[in-house]
Amino acid sequence: MRDRRYVIVCNEHSGMFRGTLLFWGSRTEDGQERSFGGYTSDIDNCEIYSENEVKEKGYYFPKYYDGMTWEEFRGYDDILIEPEYLERLGYKQMRVCYKP
């Protein structure tokens, strides 16, 4: 089993609402091929990756480290992060209902 604990945050594009993050992919099960396409603001449905899976796919994103500032985090177009560290950067999870 691979160590799936990272999400990829896309800072290059804006989320649906000001201040929301965009995450890569759609959640898959352990035995399925990882999703590297599309974006979502829903952390519960975005893909979760291992560091090796990302590298095997040919991506070399920086990884969040403890003590990284919000400005440093936002300075990368795409970055690997463990979801629990998002709160350290000031992000909170919210539930949204909307009518498109």
Protein backbone atom coordinates (compact mmCIF):
# COMPACT_ATOMS: atom_id res chain seq x y z
CA MET A 1 0.00 0.00 0.00
CA ARG A 2 1.27 3.45 -0.87
CA ASP A 3 1.38 6.28 1.61
CA ARG A 4 -1.48 8.44 0.30
CA ARG A 5 -1.58 11.52 2.48
CA TYR A 6 -1.12 14.54 0.20
CA VAL A 7 -3.45 16.73 -1.80
CA ILE A 8 -2.25 19.01 -4.58
CA VAL A 9 -3.35 22.62 -4.22
CA CYS A 10 -3.51 24.68 -7.41
CA ASN A 11 -2.75 28.31 -6.55
CA GLU A 12 -2.50 29.28 -10.20
CA HIS A 13 -6.29 29.46 -10.61
CA SER A 14 -9.02 30.86 -8.39
CA GLY A 15 -11.70 28.78 -6.72
CA MET A 16 -15.41 29.41 -7.08
CA PHE A 17 -15.44 31.91 -4.22
CA ARG A 18 -12.79 34.34 -3.06
CA GLY A 19 -10.38 32.64 -0.68
CA THR A 20 -11.30 29.07 -1.67
CA LEU A 21 -8.64 26.62 -2.76
CA LEU A 22 -8.61 24.39 -5.81
CA PHE A 23 -7.45 20.79 -5.42
CA TRP A 24 -6.39 18.41 -8.16
CA GLY A 25 -8.31 15.34 -9.25
CA SER A 26 -11.29 13.27 -8.14
CA ARG A 27 -11.01 10.84 -5.22
CA THR A 28 -10.17 7.24 -6.15
CA GLU A 29 -9.87 4.04 -4.15
CA ASP A 30 -6.48 2.50 -3.32
CA GLY A 31 -6.63 -0.04 -6.16
CA GLN A 32 -7.59 2.49 -8.84
CA GLU A 33 -5.40 4.66 -11.02
CA ARG A 34 -4.89 8.13 -9.51
CA SER A 35 -6.79 11.07 -10.93
CA PHE A 36 -4.53 13.87 -12.17
CA GLY A 37 -7.15 15.80 -14.14
CA GLY A 38 -9.65 18.45 -13.20
CA TYR A 39 -10.05 20.64 -10.15
CA THR A 40 -12.41 20.78 -7.21
CA SER A 41 -12.78 22.96 -4.13
CA ASP A 42 -14.22 19.98 -2.23
CA ILE A 43 -11.46 18.58 -0.04
CA ASP A 44 -13.59 15.52 0.72
CA ASN A 45 -13.73 14.56 -2.96
CA CYS A 46 -10.33 15.63 -4.28
CA GLU A 47 -7.63 13.08 -4.97
CA ILE A 48 -5.20 11.99 -2.27
CA TYR A 49 -1.72 11.09 -3.47
CA SER A 50 1.47 9.56 -2.19
CA GLU A 51 4.62 11.52 -2.91
CA ASN A 52 5.88 8.64 -5.09
CA GLU A 53 2.71 8.57 -7.21
CA VAL A 54 3.16 12.24 -8.03
CA LYS A 55 6.82 11.77 -8.96
CA GLU A 56 6.08 8.63 -11.01
CA LYS A 57 3.61 10.69 -13.03
CA GLY A 58 6.42 13.15 -13.83
CA TYR A 59 5.45 16.00 -11.51
CA TYR A 60 7.92 17.58 -9.09
CA PHE A 61 5.91 19.92 -6.89
CA PRO A 62 7.28 21.60 -3.81
CA LYS A 63 5.97 20.18 -0.56
CA TYR A 64 4.60 22.21 2.32
CA TYR A 65 6.87 22.17 5.35
CA ASP A 66 6.11 23.12 8.93
CA GLY A 67 6.81 26.82 9.32
CA MET A 68 6.15 27.75 5.69
CA THR A 69 4.33 31.08 5.57
CA TRP A 70 1.05 31.68 3.79
CA GLU A 71 2.88 33.90 1.29
CA GLU A 72 5.40 31.14 0.54
CA PHE A 73 2.58 28.59 0.17
CA ARG A 74 0.63 30.84 -2.21
CA GLY A 75 3.80 31.62 -4.18
CA TYR A 76 3.79 28.18 -5.83
CA ASP A 77 1.44 27.42 -8.73
CA ASP A 78 0.94 23.87 -7.41
CA ILE A 79 2.03 22.43 -4.07
CA LEU A 80 1.74 19.15 -2.15
CA ILE A 81 0.30 19.42 1.33
CA GLU A 82 -1.18 17.17 3.97
CA PRO A 83 -4.75 18.42 4.51
CA GLU A 84 -4.37 18.92 8.26
CA TYR A 85 -1.70 21.58 7.60
CA LEU A 86 -4.19 23.79 5.76
CA GLU A 87 -5.57 24.98 9.11
CA ARG A 88 -2.07 26.09 10.15
CA LEU A 89 -2.17 28.40 7.14
CA GLY A 90 -5.51 29.85 8.25
CA TYR A 91 -7.87 27.84 6.02
CA LYS A 92 -11.13 26.50 7.42
CA GLN A 93 -13.48 23.96 5.90
CA MET A 94 -17.04 25.05 5.09
CA ARG A 95 -20.09 23.44 3.60
CA VAL A 96 -21.79 25.25 0.72
CA CYS A 97 -25.17 24.80 -0.93
CA TYR A 98 -25.81 26.71 -4.10
CA LYS A 99 -28.09 26.75 -7.12
CA PRO A 100 -26.14 27.02 -10.36
